Amino acid sequence: MKIYITIVLALIFAFSVFAQRQGEVIVTSTFLRKSPDASSEKVRAVQKGERITFEKNQDTDGWYYVSILNGEVKGWIRKDTVRSPVKAETVNQLPQKIISIPKPVVNATPIAGVTPTLSATPTVIPSSTPAETAVEDDEVLRVDTQEISLNVRVVNGSNRTINNLNQAHFEVYEDNVLQPITSFTTAEVPIVNALVIDNSRSLRSQLGKVIEAGKIIVGTNRPRDESTIIRFVSKDKIEVVQDFTTNKNSLDNALDNLFVEGGQTAIVDAIYQTAKKVEQYQNSWRKDDVKLRALILVSDGEDRGSSYKEQQLFELLRESNVQIYAVGFVNSLNKESDASGINRQEKAKTFLTRLAQETGGKVYFPNSNDELLQIASDISGELRTQYLISYMPTNENRDGTFRKIKVVIAEGPNKEKRIAITRTGRTSTPK
């Protein structure tokens, strides 16, 4: 009889545990807290993908009371950092499980003519299909949120890099509203970059030094970094000389094979197509796949024959997280006004400056070829000294509007000025 009672109690306990709703952390990292307040004491850090159990009748506005480690640790967690269980919907009377599919991996292909697209539409998977998310048959986990990632450089009043800060020093604002930081790291992550080099005749005299500078940048690559070499002239001559690779010899050979030729320079098209390529290459939402993405442009900055307009280019850049470092040989351009009355040199300078500012990168205007080697070293250093910050937008509307982003840094000792450099905003991607 005692054995029977013990078995029954064990089954009841097992059923009660099984019946509890479970979820999964969807941001890079977050915290369990002692009370439902962002300023309350942290109980334990919780990483992306970690399973949590929702405790019954213990939730409040914006927060869930949950447990982890089989109930050993309990605390409050923000609702927008986890997948929330809801009642299942049915299709043809069959239970379904809905999961959000990450951005697809795009195989590297020649750029010319490629117009890849991304789909953010949730995919419906029949319940008979194995799914990674373990839930009850009468429940699904629906994701309807987006985490925004920022690459942030911090400099002082003398433009010297500051790389010893922690999360407490940072505040992120979107449209002047303070945002909850969900992830912060100073750990070095792999770099994915594209060297996009103007091969039109206007850069004939600089090409030798440009190749040397490119080799310096490639030479600083760490074992997991990958680079691609793109040459461009006109809109039909945007070519992948070397696709993404970690092999430095292959990259050096590609740089040695660059050559100039005639054509109507299509700088906007080259940046547009390459930015897409960099953004989509091996892109996923997994924490282990975080990469810093950059486009390093060398050109005189004057567009003469692109199909895309500047407005289309900047709309694309606002939807991506690719930093642009531009090296502009604008001194080769005539200062006289063109047919529209605009100074060609100033127009190119303004365009290249905007590319860097809006993406959180940097622009250089060398006065001589001899400056290129130092510029290459500077770019390599800039890419290695960045903070990676993620936040969950408090404005969840997916209306396609532009949201201004500003990162504020606390003053240093003796009121030392600290300036955060990151992208100026983002476009809220429609559902």
Protein backbone atom coordinates (compact mmCIF):
# COMPACT_ATOMS: atom_id res chain seq x y z
CA MET A 1 0.00 0.00 0.00
CA LYS A 2 2.81 2.40 0.92
CA ILE A 3 4.56 1.62 -2.35
CA TYR A 4 1.31 2.31 -4.24
CA ILE A 5 0.81 5.66 -2.50
CA THR A 6 4.44 6.63 -3.18
CA ILE A 7 4.04 5.84 -6.88
CA VAL A 8 0.80 7.85 -7.10
CA LEU A 9 2.37 10.85 -5.35
CA ALA A 10 5.41 10.65 -7.62
CA LEU A 11 3.16 10.57 -10.70
CA ILE A 12 1.15 13.56 -9.42
CA PHE A 13 4.35 15.50 -8.79
CA ALA A 14 5.75 14.58 -12.19
CA PHE A 15 2.51 15.60 -13.90
CA SER A 16 2.43 18.94 -12.09
CA VAL A 17 6.00 19.70 -13.17
CA PHE A 18 5.29 18.61 -16.75
CA ALA A 19 2.15 20.74 -16.83
CA GLN A 20 4.02 23.89 -15.96
CA ARG A 21 4.49 26.28 -18.81
CA GLN A 22 8.01 26.66 -20.03
CA GLY A 23 9.70 29.27 -22.18
CA GLU A 24 13.03 30.29 -23.59
CA VAL A 25 15.14 33.44 -23.29
CA ILE A 26 15.26 35.19 -26.67
CA VAL A 27 17.75 38.00 -25.99
CA THR A 28 21.50 37.60 -25.75
CA SER A 29 21.40 37.85 -21.97
CA THR A 30 19.17 39.18 -19.21
CA PHE A 31 18.73 38.88 -15.44
CA LEU A 32 16.43 37.35 -12.88
CA ARG A 33 15.68 40.00 -10.26
CA LYS A 34 14.35 39.86 -6.71
CA SER A 35 11.35 42.02 -7.56
CA PRO A 36 9.59 43.19 -10.75
CA ASP A 37 11.72 46.32 -11.07
CA ALA A 38 14.63 46.97 -13.45
CA SER A 39 16.61 48.55 -10.61
CA SER A 40 16.10 45.71 -8.10
CA GLU A 41 18.86 43.32 -7.07
CA LYS A 42 20.01 40.81 -9.68
CA VAL A 43 19.56 37.16 -8.70
CA ARG A 44 21.31 35.52 -11.64
CA ALA A 45 22.20 36.17 -15.28
CA VAL A 46 20.19 34.18 -17.83
CA GLN A 47 21.61 33.56 -21.30
CA LYS A 48 19.92 33.29 -24.70
CA GLY A 49 18.33 29.88 -25.24
CA GLU A 50 18.16 29.03 -21.52
CA ARG A 51 14.92 27.35 -20.48
CA ILE A 52 12.71 28.90 -17.83
CA THR A 53 9.54 27.73 -16.04
CA PHE A 54 6.69 30.16 -15.51
CA GLU A 55 5.41 30.06 -11.92
CA LYS A 56 1.61 30.14 -11.78
CA ASN A 57 -0.30 33.24 -10.70
CA GLN A 58 2.91 35.18 -10.22
CA ASP A 59 3.07 37.69 -13.05
CA THR A 60 2.57 41.43 -13.24
CA ASP A 61 2.65 44.12 -15.88
CA GLY A 62 5.82 43.71 -17.88
CA TRP A 63 7.26 40.91 -15.70
CA TYR A 64 7.01 37.13 -15.20
CA TYR A 65 7.91 35.26 -12.03
CA VAL A 66 9.93 32.24 -13.18
CA SER A 67 12.33 29.54 -12.08
CA ILE A 68 15.41 28.04 -13.69
CA LEU A 69 17.68 25.07 -12.99
CA ASN A 70 14.73 22.76 -12.25
CA GLY A 71 13.22 25.22 -9.81
CA GLU A 72 16.37 25.81 -7.78
CA VAL A 73 16.56 29.54 -8.61
CA LYS A 74 13.54 31.85 -8.84
CA GLY A 75 13.04 35.50 -9.68
CA TRP A 76 11.39 38.08 -11.89
CA ILE A 77 12.21 38.49 -15.58
CA ARG A 78 11.02 41.03 -18.15
CA LYS A 79 8.29 39.67 -20.40
CA ASP A 80 9.88 41.12 -23.53
CA THR A 81 13.06 39.05 -23.03
CA VAL A 82 11.40 35.62 -23.22
CA ARG A 83 9.09 33.70 -25.47
CA SER A 84 5.59 33.90 -23.97
CA PRO A 85 3.26 30.88 -24.01
CA VAL A 86 -0.22 31.41 -25.44
CA LYS A 87 -3.08 29.11 -26.36
CA ALA A 88 -2.52 27.21 -29.59
CA GLU A 89 -4.24 28.10 -32.80
CA THR A 90 -5.18 25.27 -35.12
CA VAL A 91 -4.92 24.78 -38.84
CA ASN A 92 -7.28 22.14 -40.26
CA GLN A 93 -7.99 21.17 -36.64
CA LEU A 94 -4.38 20.04 -36.11
CA PRO A 95 -2.17 21.43 -33.33
CA GLN A 96 0.56 23.70 -34.66
CA LYS A 97 3.80 25.03 -33.25
CA ILE A 98 4.90 28.44 -34.46
CA ILE A 99 8.51 29.48 -34.19
CA SER A 100 10.34 32.47 -35.59
CA ILE A 101 12.94 31.53 -38.18
CA PRO A 102 16.21 33.53 -38.14
CA LYS A 103 17.57 35.32 -41.17
CA PRO A 104 18.72 32.82 -43.81
CA VAL A 105 22.38 32.17 -44.49
CA VAL A 106 23.16 33.58 -47.89
CA ASN A 107 25.81 31.70 -49.84
CA ALA A 108 28.44 34.00 -51.24
CA THR A 109 27.86 34.71 -54.91
CA PRO A 110 29.01 37.32 -57.40
CA ILE A 111 27.38 40.61 -56.49
CA ALA A 112 26.33 41.77 -59.93
CA GLY A 113 22.60 41.18 -60.39
CA VAL A 114 22.04 39.77 -56.91
CA THR A 115 19.05 41.17 -55.06
CA PRO A 116 18.58 38.82 -52.07
CA THR A 117 15.65 39.38 -49.74
CA LEU A 118 14.96 38.53 -46.13
CA SER A 119 11.69 37.26 -44.73
CA ALA A 120 10.67 38.00 -41.16
CA THR A 121 7.40 36.04 -41.55
CA PRO A 122 6.96 33.31 -38.91
CA THR A 123 6.89 29.82 -40.41
CA VAL A 124 4.12 27.40 -39.42
CA ILE A 125 5.47 23.92 -38.74
CA PRO A 126 3.05 20.98 -38.39
CA SER A 127 3.08 19.36 -34.97
CA SER A 128 4.29 16.11 -36.55
CA THR A 129 7.50 17.90 -37.53
CA PRO A 130 10.23 17.90 -34.85
CA ALA A 131 10.68 21.38 -33.39
CA GLU A 132 13.49 22.69 -31.23
CA THR A 133 11.14 24.35 -28.73
CA ALA A 134 9.66 21.91 -26.21
CA VAL A 135 6.11 22.95 -25.23
CA GLU A 136 2.79 21.35 -24.40
CA ASP A 137 0.65 20.21 -27.36
CA ASP A 138 -1.98 22.83 -26.44
CA GLU A 139 0.49 25.71 -26.41
CA VAL A 140 2.78 27.55 -28.78
CA LEU A 141 5.56 30.01 -28.26
CA ARG A 142 5.05 33.09 -30.40
CA VAL A 143 7.79 35.65 -30.97
CA ASP A 144 6.71 39.15 -31.93
CA THR A 145 9.60 41.28 -30.82
CA GLN A 146 12.95 42.46 -32.14
CA GLU A 147 16.28 43.01 -30.46
CA ILE A 148 18.39 45.87 -31.78
CA SER A 149 22.18 45.53 -31.82
CA LEU A 150 24.63 48.42 -31.81
CA ASN A 151 28.37 48.61 -32.35
CA VAL A 152 29.60 51.54 -30.25
CA ARG A 153 32.97 53.28 -30.24
CA VAL A 154 33.79 55.64 -27.39
CA VAL A 155 36.34 58.46 -27.61
CA ASN A 156 37.37 61.31 -25.35
CA GLY A 157 37.65 65.00 -26.21
CA SER A 158 41.01 64.33 -27.89
CA ASN A 159 39.44 61.62 -30.10
CA ARG A 160 41.32 58.87 -28.26
CA THR A 161 39.57 55.54 -27.81
CA ILE A 162 38.21 54.61 -24.37
CA ASN A 163 37.90 50.86 -23.93
CA ASN A 164 37.61 50.24 -20.16
CA LEU A 165 33.91 51.01 -19.57
CA ASN A 166 31.10 48.77 -18.34
CA GLN A 167 27.35 48.66 -18.86
CA ALA A 168 26.67 51.08 -16.00
CA HIS A 169 28.36 53.85 -18.00
CA PHE A 170 25.93 53.53 -20.95
CA GLU A 171 22.39 54.68 -21.64
CA VAL A 172 20.62 54.02 -24.94
CA TYR A 173 17.82 56.27 -26.16
CA GLU A 174 15.47 55.72 -29.07
CA ASP A 175 13.52 58.82 -30.08
CA ASN A 176 14.63 60.32 -26.73
CA VAL A 177 13.13 57.43 -24.73
CA LEU A 178 15.47 55.42 -22.48
CA GLN A 179 15.71 51.79 -23.62
CA PRO A 180 16.39 48.63 -21.56
CA ILE A 181 19.84 47.24 -22.36
CA THR A 182 19.55 43.47 -22.72
CA SER A 183 23.13 42.64 -23.62
CA PHE A 184 26.52 44.29 -23.21
CA THR A 185 29.92 42.92 -24.10
CA THR A 186 33.45 44.11 -24.68
CA ALA A 187 34.61 40.64 -25.68
CA GLU A 188 36.23 40.43 -29.07
CA VAL A 189 33.94 38.90 -31.69
CA PRO A 190 34.73 37.80 -35.25
CA ILE A 191 34.82 40.55 -37.88
CA VAL A 192 33.18 40.22 -41.28
CA ASN A 193 34.33 42.98 -43.60
CA ALA A 194 34.36 43.89 -47.26
CA LEU A 195 37.04 45.97 -48.94
CA VAL A 196 35.20 47.84 -51.68
CA ILE A 197 37.71 49.49 -53.99
CA ASP A 198 37.06 51.95 -56.79
CA ASN A 199 38.92 50.75 -59.90
CA SER A 200 37.95 53.62 -62.17
CA ARG A 201 40.63 55.64 -63.90
CA SER A 202 40.32 58.49 -61.42
CA LEU A 203 42.17 56.32 -58.85
CA ARG A 204 44.92 55.14 -61.19
CA SER A 205 47.72 56.95 -59.36
CA GLN A 206 46.56 55.75 -55.90
CA LEU A 207 45.98 52.07 -56.69
CA GLY A 208 49.43 50.87 -55.61
CA LYS A 209 49.13 52.42 -52.15
CA VAL A 210 45.51 51.28 -51.89
CA ILE A 211 46.62 47.69 -52.42
CA GLU A 212 49.30 48.08 -49.72
CA ALA A 213 46.73 49.53 -47.32
CA GLY A 214 44.31 46.71 -48.09
CA LYS A 215 46.98 44.16 -47.22
CA ILE A 216 47.54 45.87 -43.86
CA ILE A 217 43.84 45.61 -43.02
CA VAL A 218 43.69 41.98 -44.12
CA GLY A 219 46.91 41.26 -42.25
CA THR A 220 45.31 42.19 -38.92
CA ASN A 221 42.55 39.60 -39.34
CA ARG A 222 42.29 37.11 -36.47
CA PRO A 223 41.69 33.37 -37.15
CA ARG A 224 37.87 33.70 -37.20
CA ASP A 225 37.73 36.98 -39.15
CA GLU A 226 36.62 36.87 -42.79
CA SER A 227 37.10 39.38 -45.58
CA THR A 228 35.94 39.76 -49.15
CA ILE A 229 37.45 41.93 -51.89
CA ILE A 230 35.08 43.84 -54.20
CA ARG A 231 36.20 45.96 -57.17
CA PHE A 232 33.85 48.31 -58.94
CA VAL A 233 33.75 50.71 -61.85
CA SER A 234 30.37 51.04 -63.57
CA LYS A 235 27.09 49.41 -62.53
CA ASP A 236 27.82 46.37 -64.71
CA LYS A 237 31.36 46.05 -63.33
CA ILE A 238 30.81 45.35 -59.63
CA GLU A 239 32.77 42.18 -59.08
CA VAL A 240 33.72 39.86 -56.24
CA VAL A 241 37.45 39.36 -56.77
CA GLN A 242 37.67 37.19 -53.65
CA ASP A 243 34.68 35.93 -51.70
CA PHE A 244 34.58 35.74 -47.90
CA THR A 245 37.55 33.80 -46.60
CA THR A 246 39.93 33.59 -43.66
CA ASN A 247 42.83 32.85 -46.02
CA LYS A 248 45.09 35.91 -46.04
CA ASN A 249 47.12 34.69 -49.03
CA SER A 250 43.98 34.47 -51.15
CA LEU A 251 42.97 37.97 -50.10
CA ASP A 252 46.44 39.37 -50.86
CA ASN A 253 46.40 37.74 -54.29
CA ALA A 254 43.00 39.27 -54.99
CA LEU A 255 44.32 42.71 -54.06
CA ASP A 256 47.35 42.22 -56.34
CA ASN A 257 45.00 41.44 -59.24
CA LEU A 258 43.10 44.74 -59.08
CA PHE A 259 43.31 46.93 -62.18
CA VAL A 260 41.81 50.19 -63.38
CA GLU A 261 39.56 50.62 -66.41
CA GLY A 262 37.16 53.12 -67.87
CA GLY A 263 33.50 53.45 -67.00
CA GLN A 264 30.88 55.62 -65.31
CA THR A 265 31.59 55.13 -61.59
CA ALA A 266 28.68 53.50 -59.74
CA ILE A 267 29.64 53.98 -56.12
CA VAL A 268 26.07 53.93 -54.77
CA ASP A 269 25.31 50.61 -56.48
CA ALA A 270 28.57 49.11 -55.22
CA ILE A 271 27.88 50.08 -51.61
CA TYR A 272 24.23 49.00 -51.80
CA GLN A 273 24.99 45.52 -53.11
CA THR A 274 27.99 44.98 -50.85
CA ALA A 275 26.17 46.15 -47.70
CA LYS A 276 23.50 43.53 -48.39
CA LYS A 277 26.15 40.89 -48.88
CA VAL A 278 27.95 41.75 -45.63
CA GLU A 279 24.73 41.96 -43.61
CA GLN A 280 23.42 38.60 -44.79
CA TYR A 281 26.61 36.56 -44.71
CA GLN A 282 26.34 33.90 -41.99
CA ASN A 283 23.82 36.04 -40.15
CA SER A 284 21.75 34.45 -37.40
CA TRP A 285 20.28 35.31 -34.02
CA ARG A 286 22.36 32.88 -32.02
CA LYS A 287 24.65 34.41 -29.42
CA ASP A 288 27.62 32.40 -30.69
CA ASP A 289 27.16 33.89 -34.16
CA VAL A 290 27.52 37.56 -33.21
CA LYS A 291 29.85 39.29 -35.65
CA LEU A 292 31.00 42.85 -36.21
CA ARG A 293 30.18 43.79 -39.81
CA ALA A 294 32.03 46.49 -41.70
CA LEU A 295 32.43 47.86 -45.21
CA ILE A 296 35.71 49.62 -46.02
CA LEU A 297 35.31 51.87 -49.04
CA VAL A 298 38.10 53.46 -51.09
CA SER A 299 36.91 55.91 -53.74
CA ASP A 300 36.85 59.55 -54.80
CA GLY A 301 33.21 59.58 -53.66
CA GLU A 302 31.70 60.78 -56.93
CA ASP A 303 28.86 58.76 -58.43
CA ARG A 304 28.24 58.99 -62.15
CA GLY A 305 26.19 55.98 -63.18
CA SER A 306 24.33 54.12 -60.39
CA SER A 307 20.88 52.63 -60.76
CA TYR A 308 20.07 53.06 -57.07
CA LYS A 309 19.49 56.52 -55.61
CA GLU A 310 21.22 57.80 -52.49
CA GLN A 311 17.91 57.75 -50.64
CA GLN A 312 17.49 54.03 -51.37
CA LEU A 313 21.02 53.36 -50.15
CA PHE A 314 20.52 55.12 -46.82
CA GLU A 315 17.17 53.39 -46.32
CA LEU A 316 18.97 50.07 -46.67
CA LEU A 317 21.76 51.08 -44.30
CA ARG A 318 19.21 52.06 -41.64
CA GLU A 319 17.83 48.52 -41.72
CA SER A 320 21.24 46.87 -41.39
CA ASN A 321 24.05 46.92 -38.86
CA VAL A 322 27.02 47.44 -41.16
CA GLN A 323 29.57 50.10 -40.30
CA ILE A 324 31.17 52.00 -43.17
CA TYR A 325 34.74 53.25 -43.09
CA ALA A 326 35.38 55.50 -46.07
CA VAL A 327 38.68 56.65 -47.53
CA GLY A 328 37.94 59.52 -49.90
CA PHE A 329 40.40 60.84 -52.48
CA VAL A 330 38.26 63.90 -53.07
CA ASN A 331 41.23 66.15 -53.85
CA SER A 332 41.31 64.64 -57.31
CA LEU A 333 37.89 66.13 -58.05
CA ASN A 334 37.43 69.54 -59.59
CA LYS A 335 36.20 72.19 -57.17
CA GLU A 336 34.23 73.86 -59.91
CA SER A 337 30.45 73.47 -59.86
CA ASP A 338 28.79 70.87 -62.04
CA ALA A 339 25.79 71.44 -64.33
CA SER A 340 23.47 71.66 -61.33
CA GLY A 341 25.64 74.32 -59.68
CA ILE A 342 27.07 71.97 -57.01
CA ASN A 343 30.76 71.82 -56.15
CA ARG A 344 31.77 68.25 -57.13
CA GLN A 345 34.42 67.94 -54.46
CA GLU A 346 32.18 69.16 -51.64
CA LYS A 347 29.34 66.93 -52.84
CA ALA A 348 31.57 63.84 -52.70
CA LYS A 349 32.93 64.84 -49.29
CA THR A 350 29.41 65.31 -47.91
CA PHE A 351 28.30 61.92 -49.24
CA LEU A 352 31.23 59.99 -47.77
CA THR A 353 30.91 61.79 -44.44
CA ARG A 354 27.23 60.91 -44.22
CA LEU A 355 27.97 57.24 -44.97
CA ALA A 356 30.32 57.07 -41.99
CA GLN A 357 28.21 59.14 -39.59
CA GLU A 358 24.93 57.31 -40.16
CA THR A 359 26.50 53.86 -39.75
CA GLY A 360 28.80 54.63 -36.82
CA GLY A 361 31.94 54.32 -38.92
CA LYS A 362 34.62 56.84 -39.80
CA VAL A 363 35.76 58.84 -42.83
CA TYR A 364 39.26 59.80 -43.92
CA PHE A 365 40.35 62.34 -46.53
CA PRO A 366 44.06 61.74 -47.19
CA ASN A 367 46.10 64.54 -48.71
CA SER A 368 48.72 62.12 -50.02
CA ASN A 369 49.15 58.42 -50.72
CA ASP A 370 51.65 58.19 -47.88
CA GLU A 371 48.83 58.58 -45.35
CA LEU A 372 47.13 55.37 -46.48
CA LEU A 373 49.22 52.97 -44.43
CA GLN A 374 48.48 54.84 -41.19
CA ILE A 375 44.80 55.02 -42.13
CA ALA A 376 44.73 51.25 -42.65
CA SER A 377 46.25 50.68 -39.21
CA ASP A 378 43.75 53.11 -37.69
CA ILE A 379 40.77 51.33 -39.25
CA SER A 380 42.02 47.97 -38.00
CA GLY A 381 42.38 49.39 -34.50
CA GLU A 382 38.91 50.98 -34.57
CA LEU A 383 37.32 47.64 -35.45
CA ARG A 384 39.00 46.00 -32.44
CA THR A 385 37.92 48.50 -29.77
CA GLN A 386 34.13 48.52 -29.81
CA TYR A 387 31.33 47.79 -27.38
CA LEU A 388 28.49 45.53 -28.51
CA ILE A 389 25.17 46.60 -27.01
CA SER A 390 21.68 45.22 -27.56
CA TYR A 391 18.36 46.61 -26.43
CA MET A 392 14.69 45.72 -26.72
CA PRO A 393 12.71 48.67 -28.15
CA THR A 394 9.97 49.96 -25.88
CA ASN A 395 8.10 51.12 -28.98
CA GLU A 396 7.02 47.82 -30.50
CA ASN A 397 5.17 49.30 -33.47
CA ARG A 398 6.44 47.89 -36.78
CA ASP A 399 5.36 50.83 -38.91
CA GLY A 400 8.42 51.33 -41.09
CA THR A 401 9.29 54.69 -39.51
CA PHE A 402 12.79 55.94 -38.77
CA ARG A 403 13.81 55.87 -35.10
CA LYS A 404 16.66 58.08 -33.89
CA ILE A 405 19.26 56.32 -31.72
CA LYS A 406 21.53 58.03 -29.25
CA VAL A 407 24.00 56.50 -26.81
CA VAL A 408 24.93 58.60 -23.79
CA ILE A 409 28.08 57.93 -21.75
CA ALA A 410 28.63 59.00 -18.15
CA GLU A 411 31.40 61.53 -17.64
CA GLY A 412 34.81 60.24 -16.64
CA PRO A 413 37.11 61.33 -13.79
CA ASN A 414 37.49 65.10 -13.55
CA LYS A 415 34.45 65.44 -15.84
CA GLU A 416 36.29 63.87 -18.75
CA LYS A 417 34.15 64.12 -21.86
CA ARG A 418 33.16 60.79 -23.41
CA ILE A 419 31.56 60.57 -26.83
CA ALA A 420 29.72 57.51 -28.12
CA ILE A 421 29.83 56.87 -31.85
CA THR A 422 27.25 54.51 -33.33
CA ARG A 423 24.63 54.49 -36.05
CA THR A 424 22.24 57.42 -35.93
CA GLY A 425 19.07 55.38 -36.11
CA ARG A 426 17.14 52.50 -37.56
CA THR A 427 14.06 51.85 -39.62
CA SER A 428 11.38 49.90 -37.73
CA THR A 429 10.93 46.86 -39.94
CA PRO A 430 7.25 46.24 -40.79
CA LYS A 431 5.83 42.85 -39.80
